[in-house]
Amino acid sequence: MPMAVLNHNRVMGYLVPAKLYEQVTERLEDLELIEVIKTRSGEQGIPVSLDGL
């Protein structure tokens, strides 16, 4: 379970299990990628040949 770290009754940080932290960061990365995809969805591709790479 997540746990709050207090200093004089003010939250200074949170402790979360490593597995939960990994799940949260993966989800945030997915959301960032979705935004990139939405931004680039209207772009036109540029044709290239394999030799040109």
PDB file of N, CA and C in Angstrom:
ATOM      1  N   MET A   1       0.839  -1.186   0.000  1.00  0.00           N
ATOM      2  CA  MET A   1       0.000   0.000   0.000  1.00  0.00           C
ATOM      3  C   MET A   1       0.886   1.252   0.000  1.00  0.00           C
ATOM      4  N   PRO A   2       0.470   2.275  -0.732  1.00  0.00           N
ATOM      5  CA  PRO A   2       1.203   3.546  -0.687  1.00  0.00           C
ATOM      6  C   PRO A   2       1.153   4.141   0.717  1.00  0.00           C
ATOM      7  N   MET A   3       2.230   4.846   1.070  1.00  0.00           N
ATOM      8  CA  MET A   3       2.324   5.434   2.399  1.00  0.00           C
ATOM      9  C   MET A   3       2.848   6.867   2.273  1.00  0.00           C
ATOM     10  N   ALA A   4       2.219   7.789   2.982  1.00  0.00           N
ATOM     11  CA  ALA A   4       2.651   9.182   2.973  1.00  0.00           C
ATOM     12  C   ALA A   4       3.719   9.398   4.038  1.00  0.00           C
ATOM     13  N   VAL A   5       4.729  10.191   3.693  1.00  0.00           N
ATOM     14  CA  VAL A   5       5.762  10.582   4.647  1.00  0.00           C
ATOM     15  C   VAL A   5       5.445  12.006   5.070  1.00  0.00           C
ATOM     16  N   LEU A   6       5.249  12.203   6.384  1.00  0.00           N
ATOM     17  CA  LEU A   6       4.849  13.500   6.907  1.00  0.00           C
ATOM     18  C   LEU A   6       5.993  14.174   7.649  1.00  0.00           C
ATOM     19  N   ASN A   7       5.996  15.502   7.621  1.00  0.00           N
ATOM     20  CA  ASN A   7       6.906  16.314   8.414  1.00  0.00           C
ATOM     21  C   ASN A   7       6.063  17.450   8.976  1.00  0.00           C
ATOM     22  N   HIS A   8       5.858  17.446  10.265  1.00  0.00           N
ATOM     23  CA  HIS A   8       4.992  18.431  10.919  1.00  0.00           C
ATOM     24  C   HIS A   8       3.596  18.429  10.289  1.00  0.00           C
ATOM     25  N   ASN A   9       3.066  17.237  10.087  1.00  0.00           N
ATOM     26  CA  ASN A   9       1.728  17.018   9.524  1.00  0.00           C
ATOM     27  C   ASN A   9       1.566  17.524   8.097  1.00  0.00           C
ATOM     28  N   ARG A  10       2.670  17.703   7.372  1.00  0.00           N
ATOM     29  CA  ARG A  10       2.611  18.068   5.955  1.00  0.00           C
ATOM     30  C   ARG A  10       3.218  16.925   5.147  1.00  0.00           C
ATOM     31  N   VAL A  11       2.574  16.567   4.048  1.00  0.00           N
ATOM     32  CA  VAL A  11       3.076  15.487   3.210  1.00  0.00           C
ATOM     33  C   VAL A  11       4.357  15.938   2.518  1.00  0.00           C
ATOM     34  N   MET A  12       5.418  15.186   2.718  1.00  0.00           N
ATOM     35  CA  MET A  12       6.712  15.478   2.101  1.00  0.00           C
ATOM     36  C   MET A  12       6.987  14.531   0.936  1.00  0.00           C
ATOM     37  N   GLY A  13       6.311  13.396   0.914  1.00  0.00           N
ATOM     38  CA  GLY A  13       6.521  12.426  -0.159  1.00  0.00           C
ATOM     39  C   GLY A  13       5.660  11.202   0.062  1.00  0.00           C
ATOM     40  N   TYR A  14       5.742  10.302  -0.886  1.00  0.00           N
ATOM     41  CA  TYR A  14       4.979   9.066  -0.804  1.00  0.00           C
ATOM     42  C   TYR A  14       5.902   7.887  -1.068  1.00  0.00           C
ATOM     43  N   LEU A  15       5.667   6.816  -0.380  1.00  0.00           N
ATOM     44  CA  LEU A  15       6.362   5.558  -0.624  1.00  0.00           C
ATOM     45  C   LEU A  15       5.365   4.615  -1.283  1.00  0.00           C
ATOM     46  N   VAL A  16       5.765   4.050  -2.400  1.00  0.00           N
ATOM     47  CA  VAL A  16       4.901   3.091  -3.093  1.00  0.00           C
ATOM     48  C   VAL A  16       5.727   1.851  -3.408  1.00  0.00           C
ATOM     49  N   PRO A  17       5.085   0.704  -3.456  1.00  0.00           N
ATOM     50  CA  PRO A  17       5.810  -0.513  -3.821  1.00  0.00           C
ATOM     51  C   PRO A  17       6.404  -0.386  -5.235  1.00  0.00           C
ATOM     52  N   ALA A  18       7.540  -1.020  -5.456  1.00  0.00           N
ATOM     53  CA  ALA A  18       8.239  -0.929  -6.736  1.00  0.00           C
ATOM     54  C   ALA A  18       7.339  -1.353  -7.900  1.00  0.00           C
ATOM     55  N   LYS A  19       6.577  -2.393  -7.724  1.00  0.00           N
ATOM     56  CA  LYS A  19       5.709  -2.883  -8.804  1.00  0.00           C
ATOM     57  C   LYS A  19       4.667  -1.830  -9.181  1.00  0.00           C
ATOM     58  N   LEU A  20       4.075  -1.177  -8.200  1.00  0.00           N
ATOM     59  CA  LEU A  20       3.096  -0.125  -8.469  1.00  0.00           C
ATOM     60  C   LEU A  20       3.753   1.051  -9.180  1.00  0.00           C
ATOM     61  N   TYR A  21       4.958   1.432  -8.741  1.00  0.00           N
ATOM     62  CA  TYR A  21       5.682   2.529  -9.369  1.00  0.00           C
ATOM     63  C   TYR A  21       5.958   2.213 -10.841  1.00  0.00           C
ATOM     64  N   GLU A  22       6.379   0.992 -11.132  1.00  0.00           N
ATOM     65  CA  GLU A  22       6.631   0.577 -12.512  1.00  0.00           C
ATOM     66  C   GLU A  22       5.357   0.649 -13.346  1.00  0.00           C
ATOM     67  N   GLN A  23       4.243   0.207 -12.781  1.00  0.00           N
ATOM     68  CA  GLN A  23       2.968   0.260 -13.501  1.00  0.00           C
ATOM     69  C   GLN A  23       2.578   1.698 -13.814  1.00  0.00           C
ATOM     70  N   VAL A  24       2.769   2.594 -12.856  1.00  0.00           N
ATOM     71  CA  VAL A  24       2.415   4.004 -13.044  1.00  0.00           C
ATOM     72  C   VAL A  24       3.293   4.632 -14.122  1.00  0.00           C
ATOM     73  N   THR A  25       4.601   4.381 -14.060  1.00  0.00           N
ATOM     74  CA  THR A  25       5.501   4.985 -15.045  1.00  0.00           C
ATOM     75  C   THR A  25       5.250   4.431 -16.439  1.00  0.00           C
ATOM     76  N   GLU A  26       4.948   3.143 -16.553  1.00  0.00           N
ATOM     77  CA  GLU A  26       4.620   2.566 -17.861  1.00  0.00           C
ATOM     78  C   GLU A  26       3.363   3.206 -18.431  1.00  0.00           C
ATOM     79  N   ARG A  27       2.378   3.420 -17.596  1.00  0.00           N
ATOM     80  CA  ARG A  27       1.129   4.048 -18.046  1.00  0.00           C
ATOM     81  C   ARG A  27       1.383   5.484 -18.502  1.00  0.00           C
ATOM     82  N   LEU A  28       2.201   6.217 -17.767  1.00  0.00           N
ATOM     83  CA  LEU A  28       2.530   7.588 -18.166  1.00  0.00           C
ATOM     84  C   LEU A  28       3.270   7.613 -19.495  1.00  0.00           C
ATOM     85  N   GLU A  29       4.192   6.670 -19.706  1.00  0.00           N
ATOM     86  CA  GLU A  29       4.896   6.578 -20.979  1.00  0.00           C
ATOM     87  C   GLU A  29       3.917   6.292 -22.113  1.00  0.00           C
ATOM     88  N   ASP A  30       2.951   5.390 -21.865  1.00  0.00           N
ATOM     89  CA  ASP A  30       1.936   5.090 -22.878  1.00  0.00           C
ATOM     90  C   ASP A  30       1.130   6.339 -23.227  1.00  0.00           C
ATOM     91  N   LEU A  31       0.752   7.112 -22.221  1.00  0.00           N
ATOM     92  CA  LEU A  31      -0.028   8.327 -22.466  1.00  0.00           C
ATOM     93  C   LEU A  31       0.778   9.345 -23.270  1.00  0.00           C
ATOM     94  N   GLU A  32       2.082   9.455 -22.989  1.00  0.00           N
ATOM     95  CA  GLU A  32       2.940  10.359 -23.761  1.00  0.00           C
ATOM     96  C   GLU A  32       3.033   9.909 -25.212  1.00  0.00           C
ATOM     97  N   LEU A  33       3.159   8.605 -25.437  1.00  0.00           N
ATOM     98  CA  LEU A  33       3.230   8.087 -26.800  1.00  0.00           C
ATOM     99  C   LEU A  33       1.921   8.320 -27.551  1.00  0.00           C
ATOM    100  N   ILE A  34       0.814   8.200 -26.864  1.00  0.00           N
ATOM    101  CA  ILE A  34      -0.485   8.460 -27.491  1.00  0.00           C
ATOM    102  C   ILE A  34      -0.552   9.904 -27.974  1.00  0.00           C
ATOM    103  N   GLU A  35      -0.036  10.838 -27.182  1.00  0.00           N
ATOM    104  CA  GLU A  35      -0.026  12.243 -27.586  1.00  0.00           C
ATOM    105  C   GLU A  35       0.853  12.458 -28.818  1.00  0.00           C
ATOM    106  N   VAL A  36       1.997  11.796 -28.878  1.00  0.00           N
ATOM    107  CA  VAL A  36       2.878  11.901 -30.054  1.00  0.00           C
ATOM    108  C   VAL A  36       2.169  11.357 -31.281  1.00  0.00           C
ATOM    109  N   ILE A  37       1.513  10.229 -31.130  1.00  0.00           N
ATOM    110  CA  ILE A  37       0.790   9.616 -32.249  1.00  0.00           C
ATOM    111  C   ILE A  37      -0.314  10.544 -32.740  1.00  0.00           C
ATOM    112  N   LYS A  38      -1.078  11.124 -31.825  1.00  0.00           N
ATOM    113  CA  LYS A  38      -2.148  12.048 -32.220  1.00  0.00           C
ATOM    114  C   LYS A  38      -1.587  13.258 -32.946  1.00  0.00           C
ATOM    115  N   THR A  39      -0.462  13.785 -32.468  1.00  0.00           N
ATOM    116  CA  THR A  39       0.151  14.956 -33.077  1.00  0.00           C
ATOM    117  C   THR A  39       0.636  14.647 -34.492  1.00  0.00           C
ATOM    118  N   ARG A  40       1.195  13.470 -34.678  1.00  0.00           N
ATOM    119  CA  ARG A  40       1.790  13.104 -35.968  1.00  0.00           C
ATOM    120  C   ARG A  40       0.830  12.415 -36.916  1.00  0.00           C
ATOM    121  N   SER A  41      -0.381  12.147 -36.504  1.00  0.00           N
ATOM    122  CA  SER A  41      -1.301  11.367 -37.332  1.00  0.00           C
ATOM    123  C   SER A  41      -1.651  12.053 -38.648  1.00  0.00           C
ATOM    124  N   GLY A  42      -1.586  13.358 -38.721  1.00  0.00           N
ATOM    125  CA  GLY A  42      -1.935  14.062 -39.944  1.00  0.00           C
ATOM    126  C   GLY A  42      -0.764  14.298 -40.877  1.00  0.00           C
ATOM    127  N   GLU A  43       0.430  13.891 -40.482  1.00  0.00           N
ATOM    128  CA  GLU A  43       1.611  14.122 -41.300  1.00  0.00           C
ATOM    129  C   GLU A  43       1.619  13.207 -42.523  1.00  0.00           C
ATOM    130  N   GLN A  44       2.209  13.700 -43.597  1.00  0.00           N
ATOM    131  CA  GLN A  44       2.382  12.910 -44.807  1.00  0.00           C
ATOM    132  C   GLN A  44       3.740  12.222 -44.756  1.00  0.00           C
ATOM    133  N   GLY A  45       3.777  10.981 -45.209  1.00  0.00           N
ATOM    134  CA  GLY A  45       5.022  10.240 -45.255  1.00  0.00           C
ATOM    135  C   GLY A  45       5.896  10.676 -46.414  1.00  0.00           C
ATOM    136  N   ILE A  46       7.171  10.392 -46.319  1.00  0.00           N
ATOM    137  CA  ILE A  46       8.110  10.698 -47.392  1.00  0.00           C
ATOM    138  C   ILE A  46       8.626   9.366 -47.943  1.00  0.00           C
ATOM    139  N   PRO A  47       8.377   9.118 -49.227  1.00  0.00           N
ATOM    140  CA  PRO A  47       8.854   7.850 -49.786  1.00  0.00           C
ATOM    141  C   PRO A  47      10.384   7.818 -49.898  1.00  0.00           C
ATOM    142  N   VAL A  48      10.986   6.725 -49.502  1.00  0.00           N
ATOM    143  CA  VAL A  48      12.429   6.526 -49.613  1.00  0.00           C
ATOM    144  C   VAL A  48      12.685   5.086 -50.062  1.00  0.00           C
ATOM    145  N   SER A  49      13.842   4.881 -50.677  1.00  0.00           N
ATOM    146  CA  SER A  49      14.220   3.520 -51.037  1.00  0.00           C
ATOM    147  C   SER A  49      15.145   2.971 -49.960  1.00  0.00           C
ATOM    148  N   LEU A  50      15.260   1.663 -49.902  1.00  0.00           N
ATOM    149  CA  LEU A  50      16.152   1.054 -48.920  1.00  0.00           C
ATOM    150  C   LEU A  50      17.598   1.461 -49.191  1.00  0.00           C
ATOM    151  N   ASP A  51      17.943   1.654 -50.447  1.00  0.00           N
ATOM    152  CA  ASP A  51      19.304   2.077 -50.789  1.00  0.00           C
ATOM    153  C   ASP A  51      19.560   3.506 -50.320  1.00  0.00           C
ATOM    154  N   GLY A  52      18.530   4.306 -50.243  1.00  0.00           N
ATOM    155  CA  GLY A  52      18.667   5.696 -49.805  1.00  0.00           C
ATOM    156  C   GLY A  52      18.876   5.833 -48.324  1.00  0.00           C
ATOM    157  N   LEU A  53      18.627   4.755 -47.584  1.00  0.00           N
ATOM    158  CA  LEU A  53      18.819   4.820 -46.148  1.00  0.00           C
ATOM    159  C   LEU A  53      20.259   4.565 -45.843  1.00  0.00           C
TER     160      LEU A  53
END
